[in-house]
Amino acid sequence: MSFVRLLGHGLMKAFKTIYNLRSQALHAGIPFPAPICMRPRKMEALDPVEEQPCSLGTSMRSAVWFSDDLPMHLHIFEYIVCNALIKWIFQIKITDGQWSEG
């Protein structure tokens, strides 16, 4: 998956998919799909890491997932969310116990 595919609507769709998978894991006991939990692959030394587990689909044991089911590795999701939160936190201004975004 190219980073360009994740911009705008693609990124929101990917986040919603990851959030739905999280909800299923938390509330229904359905584990995250194994491929998105695996370490992203890197084909060559200078290549960027793989953002999405597969191009068309993948299978493990008796389960099959298509690319729409696996929008990005959880490592990539965590990296994006963590950096967004850190950037937001550093923009907050606290004055007299009140906070505001600056």
Protein backbone atom coordinates (compact mmCIF):
# COMPACT_ATOMS: atom_id res chain seq x y z
CA MET A 1 0.00 0.00 0.00
CA SER A 2 1.38 3.33 -0.94
CA PHE A 3 1.30 6.19 1.56
CA VAL A 4 -0.66 8.20 -1.01
CA ARG A 5 -3.53 5.66 -0.71
CA LEU A 6 -3.67 6.38 3.01
CA LEU A 7 -4.10 10.14 2.67
CA GLY A 8 -7.51 11.69 3.15
CA HIS A 9 -10.43 9.27 2.87
CA GLY A 10 -8.13 6.23 2.71
CA LEU A 11 -6.59 7.03 6.07
CA MET A 12 -9.98 7.55 7.73
CA LYS A 13 -11.24 4.26 6.27
CA ALA A 14 -8.12 2.46 7.53
CA PHE A 15 -8.54 3.96 11.03
CA LYS A 16 -12.21 2.91 11.13
CA THR A 17 -11.28 -0.63 10.10
CA ILE A 18 -8.58 -0.85 12.79
CA TYR A 19 -10.99 0.58 15.39
CA ASN A 20 -13.68 -1.96 14.43
CA LEU A 21 -11.13 -4.77 14.75
CA ARG A 22 -10.17 -3.41 18.18
CA SER A 23 -13.82 -3.35 19.25
CA GLN A 24 -14.32 -6.94 18.09
CA ALA A 25 -11.23 -8.01 20.02
CA LEU A 26 -12.27 -6.16 23.16
CA HIS A 27 -16.01 -6.86 23.25
CA ALA A 28 -16.43 -10.12 21.34
CA GLY A 29 -13.10 -11.83 21.99
CA ILE A 30 -12.31 -12.03 18.26
CA PRO A 31 -8.54 -11.64 17.90
CA PHE A 32 -6.91 -9.17 15.54
CA PRO A 33 -6.11 -10.74 12.17
CA ALA A 34 -2.69 -12.34 12.54
CA PRO A 35 -1.12 -10.66 9.47
CA ILE A 36 -1.56 -7.12 10.84
CA CYS A 37 0.11 -8.14 14.11
CA MET A 38 3.25 -9.35 12.36
CA ARG A 39 6.35 -7.25 11.90
CA PRO A 40 6.26 -5.28 8.63
CA ARG A 41 8.56 -6.76 5.99
CA LYS A 42 11.35 -4.92 4.24
CA MET A 43 12.37 -6.38 0.89
CA GLU A 44 15.70 -4.61 0.32
CA ALA A 45 17.96 -2.71 2.71
CA LEU A 46 17.02 0.74 1.33
CA ASP A 47 13.33 0.01 0.75
CA PRO A 48 10.70 1.47 3.11
CA VAL A 49 8.91 -1.01 5.37
CA GLU A 50 5.71 -2.61 4.16
CA GLU A 51 2.68 -0.62 5.33
CA GLN A 52 0.07 -3.27 4.55
CA PRO A 53 0.46 -7.04 5.10
CA CYS A 54 -0.54 -8.09 1.59
CA SER A 55 -1.44 -6.82 -1.83
CA LEU A 56 -4.53 -8.89 -2.69
CA GLY A 57 -5.04 -11.26 0.20
CA THR A 58 -3.36 -13.64 2.60
CA SER A 59 -4.15 -16.74 4.61
CA MET A 60 -2.88 -18.29 7.83
CA ARG A 61 -4.06 -21.59 9.26
CA SER A 62 -7.72 -21.75 8.22
CA ALA A 63 -8.40 -18.00 7.94
CA VAL A 64 -8.32 -15.81 4.84
CA TRP A 65 -8.17 -12.00 4.71
CA PHE A 66 -8.42 -9.67 1.74
CA SER A 67 -6.51 -6.40 1.45
CA ASP A 68 -9.55 -4.33 2.51
CA ASP A 69 -9.67 -6.33 5.76
CA LEU A 70 -6.03 -5.45 6.52
CA PRO A 71 -5.54 -1.72 5.91
CA MET A 72 -2.16 -1.45 7.67
CA HIS A 73 0.09 -3.18 10.17
CA LEU A 74 -0.66 -2.32 13.80
CA HIS A 75 2.93 -1.04 14.05
CA ILE A 76 2.19 1.57 11.37
CA PHE A 77 -1.14 2.48 13.01
CA GLU A 78 0.58 2.93 16.39
CA TYR A 79 3.30 5.08 14.83
CA ILE A 80 0.80 7.42 13.14
CA VAL A 81 -1.49 7.75 16.19
CA CYS A 82 1.35 8.16 18.69
CA ASN A 83 3.02 10.91 16.69
CA ALA A 84 -0.28 12.71 16.11
CA LEU A 85 -1.02 12.65 19.86
CA ILE A 86 2.47 13.85 20.77
CA LYS A 87 2.21 16.72 18.28
CA TRP A 88 -1.24 17.65 19.67
CA ILE A 89 -0.01 17.51 23.28
CA PHE A 90 2.85 19.91 22.52
CA GLN A 91 0.35 22.36 20.98
CA ILE A 92 -1.74 22.54 24.17
CA LYS A 93 -1.22 25.60 26.31
CA ILE A 94 -2.03 25.47 30.01
CA THR A 95 -2.79 28.75 31.72
CA ASP A 96 -4.13 28.97 35.30
CA GLY A 97 -5.19 25.31 35.25
CA GLN A 98 -7.11 25.72 31.97
CA TRP A 99 -5.91 24.23 28.71
CA SER A 100 -6.42 25.46 25.20
CA GLU A 101 -5.08 24.48 21.82
CA GLY A 102 -2.57 26.96 20.50
